[in-house]
Amino acid sequence: MVTSKNIMPKIEGAIVTAEGAKNINIKTDIVNAVSAVTGLAEYKVQVFEKK
């Protein structure tokens, strides 16, 4: 008998770099999108301007 178990990693937070993230509206949209997809609280998502 073989027993198999999948263990998924727990995401603690997210860091995103994006062009245009200096614009607060774009930054907010990115935070909301990442939060919706991952289930993370918005304060656990950091967005930085890609240079």
N, C-alpha and C. Protein backbone atom coordinates (compact mmCIF):
# COMPACT_ATOMS: atom_id res chain seq x y z
N MET A 1 0.84 -1.18 0.00
CA MET A 1 0.00 0.00 0.00
C MET A 1 0.88 1.24 0.00
N VAL A 2 0.56 2.18 -0.89
CA VAL A 2 1.32 3.42 -1.00
C VAL A 2 0.41 4.58 -0.60
N THR A 3 0.91 5.43 0.28
CA THR A 3 0.16 6.60 0.72
C THR A 3 0.84 7.84 0.16
N SER A 4 0.06 8.71 -0.42
CA SER A 4 0.60 9.94 -1.00
C SER A 4 -0.09 11.14 -0.36
N LYS A 5 0.69 12.19 -0.10
CA LYS A 5 0.12 13.38 0.50
C LYS A 5 0.77 14.60 -0.14
N ASN A 6 -0.05 15.51 -0.65
CA ASN A 6 0.45 16.75 -1.22
C ASN A 6 0.40 17.84 -0.16
N ILE A 7 1.50 18.54 0.01
CA ILE A 7 1.56 19.64 0.97
C ILE A 7 1.80 20.92 0.18
N MET A 8 0.87 21.84 0.28
CA MET A 8 1.00 23.11 -0.43
C MET A 8 1.68 24.12 0.50
N PRO A 9 2.58 24.92 -0.05
CA PRO A 9 3.24 25.93 0.78
C PRO A 9 2.26 27.02 1.20
N LYS A 10 2.49 27.61 2.35
CA LYS A 10 1.66 28.69 2.84
C LYS A 10 2.31 30.01 2.43
N ILE A 11 1.56 30.85 1.75
CA ILE A 11 2.08 32.15 1.32
C ILE A 11 1.91 33.13 2.47
N GLU A 12 3.01 33.74 2.88
CA GLU A 12 3.00 34.70 3.99
C GLU A 12 2.87 36.13 3.51
N GLY A 13 3.31 36.40 2.28
CA GLY A 13 3.26 37.75 1.75
C GLY A 13 3.70 37.75 0.30
N ALA A 14 3.62 38.92 -0.34
CA ALA A 14 4.01 39.01 -1.75
C ALA A 14 4.71 40.34 -2.00
N ILE A 15 5.72 40.29 -2.85
CA ILE A 15 6.43 41.48 -3.31
C ILE A 15 6.30 41.53 -4.82
N VAL A 16 5.88 42.67 -5.34
CA VAL A 16 5.68 42.84 -6.78
C VAL A 16 6.48 44.05 -7.24
N THR A 17 7.18 43.91 -8.37
CA THR A 17 7.81 45.07 -9.01
C THR A 17 7.12 45.25 -10.35
N ALA A 18 6.75 46.49 -10.65
CA ALA A 18 6.01 46.75 -11.88
C ALA A 18 6.30 48.15 -12.40
N GLU A 19 6.37 48.26 -13.72
CA GLU A 19 6.48 49.58 -14.33
C GLU A 19 5.16 50.31 -14.09
N GLY A 20 5.24 51.57 -13.75
CA GLY A 20 4.04 52.36 -13.51
C GLY A 20 3.53 52.28 -12.09
N ALA A 21 4.18 51.51 -11.24
CA ALA A 21 3.71 51.35 -9.86
C ALA A 21 3.90 52.62 -9.04
N LYS A 22 4.56 53.61 -9.60
CA LYS A 22 4.70 54.89 -8.91
C LYS A 22 3.34 55.60 -8.83
N ASN A 23 2.48 55.31 -9.81
CA ASN A 23 1.12 55.87 -9.84
C ASN A 23 0.29 55.15 -8.78
N ILE A 24 -0.29 55.90 -7.86
CA ILE A 24 -1.02 55.30 -6.73
C ILE A 24 -2.22 54.47 -7.19
N ASN A 25 -2.88 54.87 -8.28
CA ASN A 25 -4.03 54.11 -8.78
C ASN A 25 -3.60 52.75 -9.32
N ILE A 26 -2.50 52.72 -10.05
CA ILE A 26 -1.98 51.46 -10.57
C ILE A 26 -1.51 50.57 -9.43
N LYS A 27 -0.82 51.17 -8.47
CA LYS A 27 -0.32 50.43 -7.31
C LYS A 27 -1.49 49.79 -6.54
N THR A 28 -2.55 50.55 -6.35
CA THR A 28 -3.72 50.04 -5.64
C THR A 28 -4.38 48.90 -6.42
N ASP A 29 -4.47 49.04 -7.73
CA ASP A 29 -5.05 47.97 -8.56
C ASP A 29 -4.23 46.69 -8.46
N ILE A 30 -2.91 46.83 -8.46
CA ILE A 30 -2.02 45.65 -8.35
C ILE A 30 -2.21 44.98 -7.00
N VAL A 31 -2.22 45.77 -5.93
CA VAL A 31 -2.41 45.21 -4.58
C VAL A 31 -3.74 44.48 -4.50
N ASN A 32 -4.80 45.09 -5.02
CA ASN A 32 -6.12 44.44 -4.98
C ASN A 32 -6.14 43.15 -5.78
N ALA A 33 -5.50 43.14 -6.94
CA ALA A 33 -5.48 41.94 -7.78
C ALA A 33 -4.72 40.80 -7.09
N VAL A 34 -3.55 41.11 -6.56
CA VAL A 34 -2.75 40.08 -5.89
C VAL A 34 -3.49 39.56 -4.66
N SER A 35 -4.10 40.45 -3.93
CA SER A 35 -4.86 40.05 -2.74
C SER A 35 -6.02 39.13 -3.12
N ALA A 36 -6.72 39.46 -4.20
CA ALA A 36 -7.86 38.64 -4.62
C ALA A 36 -7.43 37.25 -5.08
N VAL A 37 -6.32 37.17 -5.79
CA VAL A 37 -5.86 35.89 -6.33
C VAL A 37 -5.27 34.99 -5.25
N THR A 38 -4.51 35.59 -4.34
CA THR A 38 -3.80 34.79 -3.33
C THR A 38 -4.56 34.62 -2.02
N GLY A 39 -5.51 35.52 -1.76
CA GLY A 39 -6.22 35.48 -0.48
C GLY A 39 -5.46 36.18 0.63
N LEU A 40 -4.36 36.84 0.27
CA LEU A 40 -3.58 37.58 1.26
C LEU A 40 -4.28 38.88 1.64
N ALA A 41 -4.07 39.31 2.88
CA ALA A 41 -4.56 40.62 3.28
C ALA A 41 -3.77 41.67 2.51
N GLU A 42 -4.39 42.79 2.21
CA GLU A 42 -3.74 43.83 1.41
C GLU A 42 -2.46 44.35 2.06
N TYR A 43 -2.40 44.38 3.39
CA TYR A 43 -1.20 44.89 4.04
C TYR A 43 -0.01 43.93 3.89
N LYS A 44 -0.25 42.72 3.42
CA LYS A 44 0.83 41.76 3.21
C LYS A 44 1.36 41.76 1.78
N VAL A 45 0.87 42.70 0.96
CA VAL A 45 1.31 42.82 -0.44
C VAL A 45 2.06 44.13 -0.60
N GLN A 46 3.30 44.06 -1.03
CA GLN A 46 4.12 45.25 -1.27
C GLN A 46 4.36 45.41 -2.76
N VAL A 47 4.18 46.61 -3.27
CA VAL A 47 4.39 46.89 -4.69
C VAL A 47 5.44 48.00 -4.80
N PHE A 48 6.44 47.74 -5.65
CA PHE A 48 7.53 48.69 -5.87
C PHE A 48 7.65 49.04 -7.33
N GLU A 49 8.12 50.24 -7.61
CA GLU A 49 8.37 50.71 -8.98
C GLU A 49 9.53 49.95 -9.57
N LYS A 50 9.34 49.41 -10.77
CA LYS A 50 10.41 48.74 -11.48
C LYS A 50 11.20 49.80 -12.23
N LYS A 51 12.50 49.80 -12.03
CA LYS A 51 13.34 50.82 -12.68
C LYS A 51 14.09 50.28 -13.84
